[in-house]
């Protein structure tokens, strides 16, 4: 038996709220990573921050996209991916694309040198 429209809307609202909380919490942890590295290992360990940020962003993008499957319609998934409700999701995409472009530039410079 199919769930009622009310149950589907409640489920969608619950998942929207979960994604919003997850986005806010992920942004906080994003800035806690370098602080923890600096406090535990000083500057010697803090240089790992860019690499850990990239891995953290990739992991967050995967978890976020997997969470979208719980929405009832493709329209809600599209709104969650492209809306302004999840700024950390957008920041992660900017970081991943930026690092990818920097890697391409570095490879081109290496090959032409």
Foldseek 3Di string as FASTA:
>chain_A
DDDDPVVLVVQLVVLLVVLLVVLVVLVVVLVVVLVVQCVVPNPVRSVCSLVVSLVSLVVVLVVSLVSLVSHDDPVSSVCVQPPPSRVSNVVSVVSNVVVVVVVVVVVVVVVVD
